[in-house]
N, C-alpha and C. Protein backbone atom coordinates (compact mmCIF):
# COMPACT_ATOMS: atom_id res chain seq x y z
N MET A 1 117.21 168.13 99.01
CA MET A 1 118.49 168.14 99.66
C MET A 1 119.40 167.10 99.04
N SER A 2 120.66 167.40 99.02
CA SER A 2 121.62 166.45 98.48
C SER A 2 122.10 165.54 99.60
N ASP A 3 122.79 164.45 99.21
CA ASP A 3 123.29 163.49 100.19
C ASP A 3 124.36 164.11 101.08
N ALA A 4 125.11 165.06 100.56
CA ALA A 4 126.19 165.66 101.33
C ALA A 4 125.66 166.50 102.48
N THR A 5 124.48 167.02 102.34
CA THR A 5 123.96 167.89 103.39
C THR A 5 123.17 167.14 104.45
N GLN A 6 122.79 165.89 104.16
CA GLN A 6 122.02 165.13 105.15
C GLN A 6 122.96 164.53 106.18
N PRO A 7 122.67 164.67 107.46
CA PRO A 7 123.52 164.05 108.49
C PRO A 7 123.35 162.53 108.47
N LYS A 8 124.45 161.82 108.73
CA LYS A 8 124.40 160.36 108.76
C LYS A 8 123.65 159.93 110.01
N PRO A 9 122.85 158.89 109.90
CA PRO A 9 122.16 158.42 111.10
C PRO A 9 123.19 157.82 112.07
N ARG A 10 123.07 158.13 113.32
CA ARG A 10 124.03 157.68 114.33
C ARG A 10 123.51 156.41 114.99
N THR A 11 124.46 155.51 115.25
CA THR A 11 124.10 154.28 115.95
C THR A 11 123.90 154.64 117.41
N ARG A 12 122.85 154.12 117.95
CA ARG A 12 122.57 154.42 119.34
C ARG A 12 123.67 153.87 120.23
N ARG A 13 123.90 154.59 121.29
CA ARG A 13 124.95 154.20 122.22
C ARG A 13 124.64 152.83 122.85
N GLY A 14 123.41 152.56 123.16
CA GLY A 14 123.01 151.28 123.76
C GLY A 14 123.29 150.12 122.83
N VAL A 15 123.09 150.33 121.52
CA VAL A 15 123.36 149.26 120.55
C VAL A 15 124.85 148.98 120.50
N LYS A 16 125.67 150.02 120.54
CA LYS A 16 127.12 149.83 120.53
C LYS A 16 127.57 149.05 121.75
N ILE A 17 127.04 149.40 122.90
CA ILE A 17 127.40 148.70 124.14
C ILE A 17 126.98 147.24 124.06
N ALA A 18 125.77 146.99 123.55
CA ALA A 18 125.28 145.62 123.43
C ALA A 18 126.16 144.81 122.49
N LEU A 19 126.58 145.40 121.37
CA LEU A 19 127.46 144.70 120.44
C LEU A 19 128.81 144.40 121.07
N PHE A 20 129.35 145.36 121.81
CA PHE A 20 130.63 145.16 122.47
C PHE A 20 130.52 144.05 123.51
N LEU A 21 129.47 144.07 124.33
CA LEU A 21 129.30 143.03 125.34
C LEU A 21 129.11 141.66 124.70
N SER A 22 128.39 141.60 123.60
CA SER A 22 128.19 140.34 122.89
C SER A 22 129.52 139.79 122.37
N LEU A 23 130.32 140.67 121.79
CA LEU A 23 131.63 140.25 121.29
C LEU A 23 132.51 139.78 122.45
N ALA A 24 132.52 140.51 123.55
CA ALA A 24 133.32 140.13 124.71
C ALA A 24 132.87 138.79 125.27
N LEU A 25 131.58 138.56 125.34
CA LEU A 25 131.07 137.29 125.84
C LEU A 25 131.45 136.14 124.91
N ASN A 26 131.34 136.37 123.61
CA ASN A 26 131.73 135.33 122.64
C ASN A 26 133.21 134.99 122.76
N LEU A 27 134.05 136.01 122.91
CA LEU A 27 135.48 135.77 123.05
C LEU A 27 135.78 135.03 124.36
N LEU A 28 135.07 135.37 125.41
CA LEU A 28 135.26 134.70 126.69
C LEU A 28 134.90 133.23 126.59
N VAL A 29 133.77 132.93 125.99
CA VAL A 29 133.35 131.53 125.83
C VAL A 29 134.35 130.78 124.96
N ALA A 30 134.77 131.39 123.85
CA ALA A 30 135.75 130.73 122.97
C ALA A 30 137.06 130.49 123.71
N GLY A 31 137.50 131.43 124.52
CA GLY A 31 138.72 131.26 125.30
C GLY A 31 138.59 130.15 126.32
N LEU A 32 137.43 130.07 126.98
CA LEU A 32 137.22 129.00 127.96
C LEU A 32 137.24 127.63 127.29
N VAL A 33 136.58 127.52 126.15
CA VAL A 33 136.55 126.24 125.43
C VAL A 33 137.95 125.86 124.98
N LEU A 34 138.67 126.80 124.39
CA LEU A 34 140.02 126.53 123.92
C LEU A 34 140.93 126.17 125.09
N GLY A 35 140.82 126.89 126.19
CA GLY A 35 141.62 126.59 127.36
C GLY A 35 141.34 125.20 127.91
N ALA A 36 140.06 124.81 127.93
CA ALA A 36 139.70 123.48 128.42
C ALA A 36 140.26 122.39 127.51
N VAL A 37 140.21 122.63 126.21
CA VAL A 37 140.73 121.64 125.26
C VAL A 37 142.24 121.50 125.42
N VAL A 38 142.94 122.61 125.52
CA VAL A 38 144.40 122.56 125.66
C VAL A 38 144.78 121.96 127.00
N HIS A 39 144.07 122.33 128.06
CA HIS A 39 144.41 121.85 129.40
C HIS A 39 144.16 120.35 129.55
N HIS A 40 143.12 119.85 128.94
CA HIS A 40 142.73 118.46 129.14
C HIS A 40 143.19 117.53 128.03
N ARG A 41 144.13 117.97 127.22
CA ARG A 41 144.58 117.08 126.16
C ARG A 41 145.25 115.86 126.78
N SER A 42 145.19 114.79 126.07
CA SER A 42 145.69 113.52 126.59
C SER A 42 147.20 113.51 126.71
N ASP A 43 147.70 112.86 127.76
CA ASP A 43 149.14 112.68 127.90
C ASP A 43 149.64 111.61 126.95
N ARG A 44 148.73 110.93 126.29
CA ARG A 44 149.14 109.86 125.39
C ARG A 44 149.15 110.32 123.94
N ASP A 45 149.37 111.60 123.70
CA ASP A 45 149.32 112.12 122.34
C ASP A 45 150.69 112.13 121.66
N GLY A 46 151.54 111.20 122.04
CA GLY A 46 152.83 111.08 121.38
C GLY A 46 153.96 111.81 122.06
N ARG A 47 153.64 112.59 123.09
CA ARG A 47 154.70 113.29 123.80
C ARG A 47 155.36 112.34 124.78
N PRO A 48 156.64 112.54 125.05
CA PRO A 48 157.29 111.69 126.04
C PRO A 48 156.75 112.01 127.43
N PRO A 49 156.84 111.04 128.35
CA PRO A 49 156.36 111.29 129.72
C PRO A 49 157.16 112.41 130.37
N ARG A 50 156.49 113.16 131.24
CA ARG A 50 157.15 114.26 131.96
C ARG A 50 158.02 113.68 133.05
N LEU A 51 159.32 113.93 132.96
CA LEU A 51 160.24 113.42 133.97
C LEU A 51 160.43 114.41 135.10
N ASP A 52 159.93 115.63 134.91
CA ASP A 52 160.12 116.64 135.95
C ASP A 52 159.03 116.60 137.01
N ARG A 53 158.18 115.61 136.95
CA ARG A 53 157.11 115.49 137.94
C ARG A 53 157.34 114.25 138.78
N GLY A 54 158.21 114.34 139.73
CA GLY A 54 158.39 113.26 140.67
C GLY A 54 159.10 112.04 140.12
N GLY A 55 159.89 112.16 139.10
CA GLY A 55 160.71 111.04 138.65
C GLY A 55 160.18 110.30 137.45
N GLY A 56 159.04 110.66 136.95
CA GLY A 56 158.55 110.04 135.73
C GLY A 56 157.86 108.71 135.96
N PRO A 57 157.63 107.99 134.88
CA PRO A 57 156.84 106.76 134.95
C PRO A 57 157.50 105.65 135.79
N MET A 58 158.83 105.60 135.79
CA MET A 58 159.48 104.53 136.57
C MET A 58 159.22 104.72 138.06
N THR A 59 159.16 105.95 138.51
CA THR A 59 158.86 106.21 139.91
C THR A 59 157.37 106.03 140.17
N ALA A 60 156.54 106.47 139.24
CA ALA A 60 155.09 106.37 139.43
C ALA A 60 154.64 104.92 139.53
N ALA A 61 155.36 104.01 138.90
CA ALA A 61 154.98 102.59 138.92
C ALA A 61 155.40 101.90 140.22
N LEU A 62 156.22 102.54 141.03
CA LEU A 62 156.64 101.94 142.29
C LEU A 62 155.47 101.91 143.27
N SER A 63 155.53 100.99 144.20
CA SER A 63 154.53 100.97 145.25
C SER A 63 154.73 102.20 146.13
N LEU A 64 153.72 102.55 146.88
CA LEU A 64 153.81 103.71 147.76
C LEU A 64 154.95 103.55 148.76
N SER A 65 155.11 102.35 149.31
CA SER A 65 156.18 102.15 150.29
C SER A 65 157.55 102.28 149.63
N ASP A 66 157.71 101.80 148.39
CA ASP A 66 158.99 101.95 147.70
C ASP A 66 159.27 103.42 147.39
N ARG A 67 158.26 104.16 146.95
CA ARG A 67 158.45 105.60 146.67
C ARG A 67 158.85 106.33 147.94
N ARG A 68 158.19 106.00 149.04
CA ARG A 68 158.51 106.66 150.31
C ARG A 68 159.93 106.34 150.75
N ALA A 69 160.34 105.09 150.61
CA ALA A 69 161.69 104.70 151.02
C ALA A 69 162.74 105.44 150.19
N ILE A 70 162.53 105.50 148.89
CA ILE A 70 163.48 106.22 148.02
C ILE A 70 163.46 107.71 148.36
N GLY A 71 162.28 108.26 148.57
CA GLY A 71 162.18 109.68 148.92
C GLY A 71 162.90 110.00 150.21
N MET A 72 162.76 109.13 151.21
CA MET A 72 163.44 109.37 152.49
C MET A 72 164.95 109.29 152.31
N ALA A 73 165.41 108.32 151.52
CA ALA A 73 166.86 108.20 151.28
C ALA A 73 167.39 109.43 150.53
N LEU A 74 166.60 109.94 149.58
CA LEU A 74 167.00 111.16 148.87
C LEU A 74 167.08 112.35 149.82
N ARG A 75 166.09 112.47 150.70
CA ARG A 75 166.10 113.59 151.65
C ARG A 75 167.28 113.49 152.60
N GLU A 76 167.57 112.29 153.08
CA GLU A 76 168.72 112.12 153.98
C GLU A 76 170.01 112.51 153.28
N ALA A 77 170.17 112.06 152.04
CA ALA A 77 171.38 112.40 151.29
C ALA A 77 171.43 113.89 151.00
N ALA A 78 170.29 114.49 150.74
CA ALA A 78 170.25 115.93 150.47
C ALA A 78 170.66 116.72 151.70
N HIS A 79 170.26 116.26 152.89
CA HIS A 79 170.64 116.95 154.12
C HIS A 79 172.13 116.84 154.38
N GLU A 80 172.72 115.71 154.02
CA GLU A 80 174.15 115.51 154.25
C GLU A 80 175.00 116.46 153.40
N ASN A 81 174.61 116.66 152.17
CA ASN A 81 175.44 117.43 151.23
C ASN A 81 174.86 118.78 150.88
N ARG A 82 173.88 119.23 151.64
CA ARG A 82 173.19 120.47 151.30
C ARG A 82 174.05 121.68 151.63
N PRO A 83 174.14 122.63 150.69
CA PRO A 83 174.84 123.87 151.01
C PRO A 83 174.01 124.67 152.02
N THR A 84 174.68 125.50 152.77
CA THR A 84 173.97 126.30 153.77
C THR A 84 173.20 127.41 153.06
N ARG A 85 172.27 127.99 153.78
CA ARG A 85 171.50 129.11 153.24
C ARG A 85 172.44 130.25 152.86
N ALA A 86 173.45 130.49 153.67
CA ALA A 86 174.41 131.55 153.38
C ALA A 86 175.17 131.25 152.08
N ASP A 87 175.51 129.97 151.86
CA ASP A 87 176.19 129.60 150.62
C ASP A 87 175.30 129.89 149.41
N LEU A 88 174.03 129.52 149.51
CA LEU A 88 173.10 129.75 148.40
C LEU A 88 172.91 131.24 148.14
N GLN A 89 172.77 132.00 149.21
CA GLN A 89 172.59 133.45 149.03
C GLN A 89 173.83 134.07 148.40
N ALA A 90 175.00 133.61 148.81
CA ALA A 90 176.24 134.13 148.23
C ALA A 90 176.32 133.80 146.74
N GLU A 91 175.87 132.59 146.39
CA GLU A 91 175.86 132.19 144.98
C GLU A 91 174.96 133.11 144.16
N TYR A 92 173.76 133.37 144.67
CA TYR A 92 172.83 134.23 143.94
C TYR A 92 173.30 135.69 143.92
N ARG A 93 173.93 136.13 145.00
CA ARG A 93 174.48 137.49 144.98
C ARG A 93 175.55 137.62 143.91
N ALA A 94 176.35 136.58 143.75
CA ALA A 94 177.37 136.60 142.70
C ALA A 94 176.73 136.69 141.31
N VAL A 95 175.61 136.00 141.12
CA VAL A 95 174.90 136.07 139.84
C VAL A 95 174.36 137.48 139.64
N VAL A 96 173.75 138.05 140.68
CA VAL A 96 173.22 139.41 140.57
C VAL A 96 174.34 140.39 140.23
N THR A 97 175.47 140.25 140.90
CA THR A 97 176.62 141.12 140.62
C THR A 97 177.06 140.96 139.17
N ALA A 98 177.13 139.72 138.71
CA ALA A 98 177.55 139.48 137.31
C ALA A 98 176.53 140.06 136.33
N LEU A 99 175.25 140.00 136.67
CA LEU A 99 174.22 140.55 135.77
C LEU A 99 174.30 142.07 135.69
N LYS A 100 174.68 142.70 136.79
CA LYS A 100 174.75 144.16 136.82
C LYS A 100 176.08 144.71 136.28
N ALA A 101 177.07 143.84 136.13
CA ALA A 101 178.41 144.30 135.74
C ALA A 101 178.40 144.90 134.33
N ARG A 102 179.21 145.92 134.16
CA ARG A 102 179.40 146.55 132.86
C ARG A 102 180.88 146.47 132.53
N PRO A 103 181.32 145.81 131.57
CA PRO A 103 180.56 145.01 130.61
C PRO A 103 180.10 143.69 131.25
N PHE A 104 179.04 143.15 130.69
CA PHE A 104 178.47 141.90 131.18
C PHE A 104 179.45 140.76 130.94
N ASP A 105 179.65 139.93 131.97
CA ASP A 105 180.53 138.77 131.87
C ASP A 105 179.67 137.51 131.88
N PRO A 106 179.33 136.99 130.71
CA PRO A 106 178.46 135.81 130.67
C PRO A 106 179.10 134.58 131.31
N GLN A 107 180.42 134.54 131.34
CA GLN A 107 181.09 133.37 131.92
C GLN A 107 180.79 133.23 133.41
N ALA A 108 180.65 134.32 134.13
CA ALA A 108 180.34 134.26 135.56
C ALA A 108 178.96 133.65 135.78
N VAL A 109 177.99 134.07 134.97
CA VAL A 109 176.64 133.51 135.08
C VAL A 109 176.65 132.04 134.65
N LYS A 110 177.39 131.74 133.59
CA LYS A 110 177.47 130.36 133.10
C LYS A 110 178.05 129.45 134.18
N THR A 111 179.07 129.90 134.88
CA THR A 111 179.69 129.12 135.95
C THR A 111 178.67 128.82 137.05
N ALA A 112 177.87 129.82 137.43
CA ALA A 112 176.85 129.62 138.46
C ALA A 112 175.78 128.64 137.98
N LEU A 113 175.35 128.77 136.74
CA LEU A 113 174.34 127.86 136.19
C LEU A 113 174.88 126.43 136.11
N GLU A 114 176.13 126.29 135.74
CA GLU A 114 176.74 124.96 135.67
C GLU A 114 176.83 124.33 137.07
N GLY A 115 177.13 125.14 138.06
CA GLY A 115 177.16 124.63 139.44
C GLY A 115 175.79 124.13 139.87
N GLN A 116 174.73 124.88 139.53
CA GLN A 116 173.38 124.45 139.86
C GLN A 116 173.02 123.17 139.12
N ALA A 117 173.43 123.08 137.85
CA ALA A 117 173.15 121.88 137.06
C ALA A 117 173.86 120.67 137.64
N GLN A 118 175.08 120.86 138.16
CA GLN A 118 175.81 119.75 138.76
C GLN A 118 175.09 119.22 140.01
N VAL A 119 174.53 120.13 140.79
CA VAL A 119 173.78 119.71 141.98
C VAL A 119 172.57 118.88 141.55
N LEU A 120 171.85 119.34 140.54
CA LEU A 120 170.68 118.61 140.05
C LEU A 120 171.09 117.27 139.45
N THR A 121 172.20 117.24 138.73
CA THR A 121 172.67 116.00 138.13
C THR A 121 173.04 114.98 139.20
N ARG A 122 173.74 115.44 140.25
CA ARG A 122 174.10 114.52 141.34
C ARG A 122 172.85 113.97 142.01
N ARG A 123 171.85 114.81 142.20
CA ARG A 123 170.60 114.34 142.82
C ARG A 123 169.90 113.33 141.92
N ALA A 124 169.86 113.59 140.62
CA ALA A 124 169.23 112.65 139.68
C ALA A 124 169.99 111.32 139.67
N GLU A 125 171.32 111.38 139.69
CA GLU A 125 172.13 110.16 139.71
C GLU A 125 171.87 109.36 140.98
N LEU A 126 171.75 110.05 142.11
CA LEU A 126 171.44 109.38 143.36
C LEU A 126 170.07 108.72 143.28
N GLY A 127 169.10 109.43 142.74
CA GLY A 127 167.75 108.86 142.58
C GLY A 127 167.78 107.61 141.70
N GLN A 128 168.55 107.67 140.62
CA GLN A 128 168.65 106.50 139.74
C GLN A 128 169.30 105.33 140.47
N ALA A 129 170.36 105.60 141.24
CA ALA A 129 171.03 104.53 141.99
C ALA A 129 170.10 103.92 143.03
N LEU A 130 169.32 104.77 143.72
CA LEU A 130 168.38 104.25 144.71
C LEU A 130 167.29 103.42 144.06
N LEU A 131 166.81 103.87 142.90
CA LEU A 131 165.79 103.11 142.17
C LEU A 131 166.36 101.76 141.74
N LEU A 132 167.56 101.75 141.21
CA LEU A 132 168.17 100.50 140.78
C LEU A 132 168.37 99.56 141.96
N ASP A 133 168.83 100.11 143.10
CA ASP A 133 168.98 99.28 144.31
C ASP A 133 167.65 98.66 144.70
N ARG A 134 166.59 99.47 144.62
CA ARG A 134 165.26 98.99 145.00
C ARG A 134 164.81 97.88 144.05
N LEU A 135 165.06 98.06 142.76
CA LEU A 135 164.67 97.05 141.77
C LEU A 135 165.47 95.76 141.97
N GLN A 136 166.75 95.88 142.31
CA GLN A 136 167.57 94.69 142.54
C GLN A 136 167.14 93.95 143.78
N ALA A 137 166.61 94.66 144.77
CA ALA A 137 166.17 94.03 146.01
C ALA A 137 164.82 93.31 145.86
N MET A 138 164.11 93.58 144.76
CA MET A 138 162.81 92.95 144.55
C MET A 138 162.98 91.49 144.13
N SER A 139 162.00 90.69 144.50
CA SER A 139 161.97 89.31 144.01
C SER A 139 161.54 89.34 142.55
N ASP A 140 161.66 88.20 141.88
CA ASP A 140 161.25 88.13 140.48
C ASP A 140 159.77 88.47 140.31
N SER A 141 158.94 87.99 141.23
CA SER A 141 157.50 88.26 141.12
C SER A 141 157.21 89.75 141.40
N GLU A 142 157.94 90.35 142.34
CA GLU A 142 157.75 91.79 142.61
C GLU A 142 158.19 92.63 141.41
N ARG A 143 159.30 92.21 140.79
CA ARG A 143 159.77 92.94 139.60
C ARG A 143 158.78 92.78 138.45
N ALA A 144 158.18 91.60 138.31
CA ALA A 144 157.19 91.38 137.25
C ALA A 144 155.95 92.25 137.50
N ALA A 145 155.53 92.35 138.77
CA ALA A 145 154.38 93.20 139.11
C ALA A 145 154.72 94.66 138.83
N TYR A 146 155.96 95.05 139.15
CA TYR A 146 156.41 96.41 138.86
C TYR A 146 156.37 96.67 137.36
N ALA A 147 156.83 95.70 136.57
CA ALA A 147 156.81 95.86 135.11
C ALA A 147 155.39 96.03 134.59
N GLU A 148 154.44 95.29 135.17
CA GLU A 148 153.03 95.44 134.79
C GLU A 148 152.53 96.85 135.11
N ARG A 149 152.87 97.34 136.31
CA ARG A 149 152.45 98.69 136.70
C ARG A 149 153.10 99.72 135.79
N LEU A 150 154.36 99.51 135.44
CA LEU A 150 155.05 100.44 134.54
C LEU A 150 154.36 100.49 133.19
N GLU A 151 153.97 99.33 132.67
CA GLU A 151 153.22 99.31 131.40
C GLU A 151 151.92 100.09 131.53
N GLU A 152 151.24 99.91 132.67
CA GLU A 152 149.98 100.62 132.91
C GLU A 152 150.20 102.13 132.96
N VAL A 153 151.26 102.54 133.65
CA VAL A 153 151.57 103.97 133.74
C VAL A 153 151.89 104.53 132.36
N LEU A 154 152.66 103.79 131.58
CA LEU A 154 153.03 104.27 130.24
C LEU A 154 151.81 104.36 129.33
N GLU A 155 150.86 103.45 129.53
CA GLU A 155 149.66 103.46 128.69
C GLU A 155 148.62 104.47 129.15
N ASN A 156 148.41 104.57 130.47
CA ASN A 156 147.31 105.37 131.01
C ASN A 156 147.73 106.59 131.80
N GLY A 157 149.02 106.75 132.03
CA GLY A 157 149.48 107.84 132.87
C GLY A 157 149.50 107.40 134.32
N PRO A 158 150.11 108.21 135.18
CA PRO A 158 150.20 107.82 136.59
C PRO A 158 148.84 107.86 137.25
N PRO A 159 148.69 107.07 138.32
CA PRO A 159 147.42 107.12 139.05
C PRO A 159 147.25 108.49 139.69
N PRO A 160 146.02 108.89 139.99
CA PRO A 160 145.81 110.21 140.60
C PRO A 160 146.51 110.30 141.95
N ARG A 161 146.92 111.52 142.28
CA ARG A 161 147.61 111.74 143.55
C ARG A 161 146.63 111.66 144.70
N GLU A 162 147.17 111.35 145.86
CA GLU A 162 146.35 111.32 147.07
C GLU A 162 145.90 112.73 147.41
N GLU A 163 144.68 112.83 147.90
CA GLU A 163 144.22 114.11 148.39
C GLU A 163 144.38 114.12 149.90
N LYS A 164 144.81 115.23 150.43
CA LYS A 164 145.00 115.35 151.87
C LYS A 164 143.93 116.29 152.42
N PRO A 165 143.15 115.82 153.38
CA PRO A 165 142.20 116.74 154.01
C PRO A 165 142.94 117.75 154.87
N HIS A 166 142.24 118.77 155.29
CA HIS A 166 142.87 119.86 156.04
C HIS A 166 143.42 119.43 157.39
N ASP A 167 142.93 118.32 157.93
CA ASP A 167 143.43 117.91 159.25
C ASP A 167 144.71 117.07 159.16
N GLY A 168 145.27 116.91 157.96
CA GLY A 168 146.55 116.22 157.81
C GLY A 168 146.44 114.73 157.56
N ARG A 169 145.23 114.16 157.69
CA ARG A 169 145.08 112.72 157.41
C ARG A 169 145.20 112.48 155.91
N ARG A 170 145.58 111.28 155.55
CA ARG A 170 145.63 110.91 154.13
C ARG A 170 144.34 110.19 153.77
N LEU A 171 143.77 110.60 152.65
CA LEU A 171 142.60 109.89 152.14
C LEU A 171 143.08 108.74 151.27
N PRO A 172 142.28 107.68 151.15
CA PRO A 172 142.69 106.60 150.27
C PRO A 172 142.82 107.10 148.84
N ARG A 173 143.79 106.56 148.15
CA ARG A 173 144.07 106.96 146.77
C ARG A 173 142.99 106.36 145.87
N PRO A 174 142.35 107.19 145.04
CA PRO A 174 141.41 106.62 144.09
C PRO A 174 142.19 105.86 143.03
N GLY A 175 141.55 104.90 142.42
CA GLY A 175 142.21 104.13 141.38
C GLY A 175 142.99 102.97 141.97
N PRO A 176 143.92 102.44 141.19
CA PRO A 176 144.64 101.25 141.65
C PRO A 176 145.52 101.54 142.84
N SER A 177 145.53 100.64 143.78
CA SER A 177 146.42 100.76 144.93
C SER A 177 147.51 99.72 144.76
N TRP A 178 148.76 100.14 144.78
CA TRP A 178 149.86 99.23 144.48
C TRP A 178 150.63 98.83 145.72
N ASP A 179 149.99 98.90 146.86
CA ASP A 179 150.66 98.45 148.09
C ASP A 179 150.01 97.20 148.59
């Protein structure tokens, strides 16, 4: 018989399934390892500190009582100047209307985004003013201790956050306590 007339041997279905499962398992393990490496990379790898997480290192270096006082002042100010729910909904409805308009008017969306940015900017400016007030109210020794904590935060990152049990009590913060 010639080679053309002989049927090719077929790979068993079980072997194909085993190879597929092996490949899937290998990809899963590789993905888990890569994800763990990316997730746990150091915050000290040359990137600037994240300012979108509670005010950044300057806030993280404050004592718990100072952070709470500034937070309460921010909340009080936010309540005073807060737009109503109806105002916010009207703003977003205007954006939706602008997005659906034919022809599209990017200026309408830009105006809404600029308004939102102004609100965030005013809040950030208030936070900075409150932080500066707090720093000015500190004694020289308190400011020196704050500077030490700030150096620690910049070198090692912020201390871990407090964990809250389900019953609402606060657990002691692991790591350094700055109160």
